[in-house]
Amino acid sequence: MNSNFVFRNIDQTNAIADAVQKRIQKLERYCDEIIAGRVVLDSPHNNHHKGKVYSVGLEIHTPSKEVRVNQEQHDNHAHEDLYINN
């Protein structure tokens, strides 16, 4: 699959890129029709009173469908660190 990573307001590191790539490869095991993917990692500027807040967007393209998923941190402390080892 052709994948693209976008880092907004976050320093791009090899560790984060490798972790995202591993998760994409995991998706490919469940759906062999994925032809392209785009991951957007963001840390909005206007959340300084909450500490570091991250959002992740994922777009997956297959020959017949396009799937978009967005996940934003709210009060879930499990996502305060962008590099989550699940």
C-alpha atoms as a PDB file:
ATOM      1  CA  MET A   1       0.000   0.000   0.000  1.00  0.00           C
ATOM      2  CA  ASN A   2       1.119   3.522  -0.737  1.00  0.00           C
ATOM      3  CA  SER A   3       0.966   5.447   2.547  1.00  0.00           C
ATOM      4  CA  ASN A   4       1.444   9.114   3.375  1.00  0.00           C
ATOM      5  CA  PHE A   5       2.065  10.618   6.826  1.00  0.00           C
ATOM      6  CA  VAL A   6       1.302  14.244   7.670  1.00  0.00           C
ATOM      7  CA  PHE A   7       2.637  15.790  10.884  1.00  0.00           C
ATOM      8  CA  ARG A   8       0.966  19.050  11.966  1.00  0.00           C
ATOM      9  CA  ASN A   9       2.393  20.945  14.926  1.00  0.00           C
ATOM     10  CA  ILE A  10       4.318  17.784  15.874  1.00  0.00           C
ATOM     11  CA  ASP A  11       7.976  17.002  15.322  1.00  0.00           C
ATOM     12  CA  GLN A  12       8.317  14.073  12.955  1.00  0.00           C
ATOM     13  CA  THR A  13      10.412  11.289  14.441  1.00  0.00           C
ATOM     14  CA  ASN A  14      11.406   7.880  13.149  1.00  0.00           C
ATOM     15  CA  ALA A  15       9.851   6.244  16.221  1.00  0.00           C
ATOM     16  CA  ILE A  16       6.430   7.749  15.526  1.00  0.00           C
ATOM     17  CA  ALA A  17       6.623   7.030  11.786  1.00  0.00           C
ATOM     18  CA  ASP A  18       7.653   3.419  12.481  1.00  0.00           C
ATOM     19  CA  ALA A  19       4.798   2.947  14.962  1.00  0.00           C
ATOM     20  CA  VAL A  20       2.265   4.303  12.460  1.00  0.00           C
ATOM     21  CA  GLN A  21       3.698   2.126   9.683  1.00  0.00           C
ATOM     22  CA  LYS A  22       3.374  -0.995  11.867  1.00  0.00           C
ATOM     23  CA  ARG A  23      -0.285  -0.214  12.497  1.00  0.00           C
ATOM     24  CA  ILE A  24      -0.898   0.272   8.782  1.00  0.00           C
ATOM     25  CA  GLN A  25       0.720  -3.095   8.078  1.00  0.00           C
ATOM     26  CA  LYS A  26      -1.593  -4.614  10.677  1.00  0.00           C
ATOM     27  CA  LEU A  27      -4.602  -3.211   8.789  1.00  0.00           C
ATOM     28  CA  GLU A  28      -3.307  -4.740   5.564  1.00  0.00           C
ATOM     29  CA  ARG A  29      -3.471  -8.199   7.157  1.00  0.00           C
ATOM     30  CA  TYR A  30      -7.229  -7.765   7.568  1.00  0.00           C
ATOM     31  CA  CYS A  31      -7.946  -6.150   4.196  1.00  0.00           C
ATOM     32  CA  ASP A  32      -5.729  -6.920   1.218  1.00  0.00           C
ATOM     33  CA  GLU A  33      -7.660  -4.479  -0.994  1.00  0.00           C
ATOM     34  CA  ILE A  34      -6.176  -1.342   0.592  1.00  0.00           C
ATOM     35  CA  ILE A  35      -4.351   0.571  -2.140  1.00  0.00           C
ATOM     36  CA  ALA A  36      -3.544   3.844  -0.348  1.00  0.00           C
ATOM     37  CA  GLY A  37      -3.598   5.366   3.094  1.00  0.00           C
ATOM     38  CA  ARG A  38      -3.069   8.763   4.655  1.00  0.00           C
ATOM     39  CA  VAL A  39      -2.428   9.413   8.341  1.00  0.00           C
ATOM     40  CA  VAL A  40      -2.610  12.920   9.815  1.00  0.00           C
ATOM     41  CA  LEU A  41      -1.115  13.438  13.280  1.00  0.00           C
ATOM     42  CA  ASP A  42      -1.953  16.808  14.810  1.00  0.00           C
ATOM     43  CA  SER A  43      -1.511  18.730  18.037  1.00  0.00           C
ATOM     44  CA  PRO A  44      -3.813  21.767  17.933  1.00  0.00           C
ATOM     45  CA  HIS A  45      -2.331  25.016  19.275  1.00  0.00           C
ATOM     46  CA  ASN A  46      -5.400  26.133  21.218  1.00  0.00           C
ATOM     47  CA  ASN A  47      -5.200  23.446  23.909  1.00  0.00           C
ATOM     48  CA  HIS A  48      -2.392  24.871  26.033  1.00  0.00           C
ATOM     49  CA  HIS A  49      -4.504  24.688  29.199  1.00  0.00           C
ATOM     50  CA  LYS A  50      -5.000  20.928  28.725  1.00  0.00           C
ATOM     51  CA  GLY A  51      -1.373  20.039  28.072  1.00  0.00           C
ATOM     52  CA  LYS A  52      -0.447  18.130  24.941  1.00  0.00           C
ATOM     53  CA  VAL A  53      -3.564  17.046  23.072  1.00  0.00           C
ATOM     54  CA  TYR A  54      -3.313  14.952  19.934  1.00  0.00           C
ATOM     55  CA  SER A  55      -5.634  13.982  17.133  1.00  0.00           C
ATOM     56  CA  VAL A  56      -5.170  11.268  14.541  1.00  0.00           C
ATOM     57  CA  GLY A  57      -6.916  11.059  11.198  1.00  0.00           C
ATOM     58  CA  LEU A  58      -6.803   8.024   8.926  1.00  0.00           C
ATOM     59  CA  GLU A  59      -7.973   7.736   5.324  1.00  0.00           C
ATOM     60  CA  ILE A  60      -7.955   4.327   3.661  1.00  0.00           C
ATOM     61  CA  HIS A  61      -8.635   3.854  -0.029  1.00  0.00           C
ATOM     62  CA  THR A  62      -9.733   0.597  -1.654  1.00  0.00           C
ATOM     63  CA  PRO A  63     -10.866   0.103  -5.249  1.00  0.00           C
ATOM     64  CA  SER A  64     -14.506   0.421  -4.175  1.00  0.00           C
ATOM     65  CA  LYS A  65     -14.504   2.543  -0.990  1.00  0.00           C
ATOM     66  CA  GLU A  66     -12.868   5.355   0.919  1.00  0.00           C
ATOM     67  CA  VAL A  67     -12.920   5.163   4.706  1.00  0.00           C
ATOM     68  CA  ARG A  68     -12.106   8.082   7.015  1.00  0.00           C
ATOM     69  CA  VAL A  69     -11.628   7.830  10.757  1.00  0.00           C
ATOM     70  CA  ASN A  70     -10.716  10.628  13.166  1.00  0.00           C
ATOM     71  CA  GLN A  71      -9.789  10.218  16.808  1.00  0.00           C
ATOM     72  CA  GLU A  72      -9.279  13.145  19.145  1.00  0.00           C
ATOM     73  CA  GLN A  73      -8.120  13.076  22.720  1.00  0.00           C
ATOM     74  CA  HIS A  74     -10.601  14.380  25.219  1.00  0.00           C
ATOM     75  CA  ASP A  75     -10.323  13.387  28.851  1.00  0.00           C
ATOM     76  CA  ASN A  76      -8.785   9.987  28.119  1.00  0.00           C
ATOM     77  CA  HIS A  77      -5.333  10.085  29.719  1.00  0.00           C
ATOM     78  CA  ALA A  78      -4.267   6.986  27.778  1.00  0.00           C
ATOM     79  CA  HIS A  79      -3.665   9.201  24.742  1.00  0.00           C
ATOM     80  CA  GLU A  80      -1.626  11.994  26.323  1.00  0.00           C
ATOM     81  CA  ASP A  81       1.495  10.554  24.713  1.00  0.00           C
ATOM     82  CA  LEU A  82       1.453  10.452  20.925  1.00  0.00           C
ATOM     83  CA  TYR A  83       3.659   7.376  20.843  1.00  0.00           C
ATOM     84  CA  ILE A  84       1.333   4.752  22.290  1.00  0.00           C
ATOM     85  CA  ASN A  85       2.661   1.213  22.365  1.00  0.00           C
ATOM     86  CA  ASN A  86      -0.395  -1.027  21.898  1.00  0.00           C
END
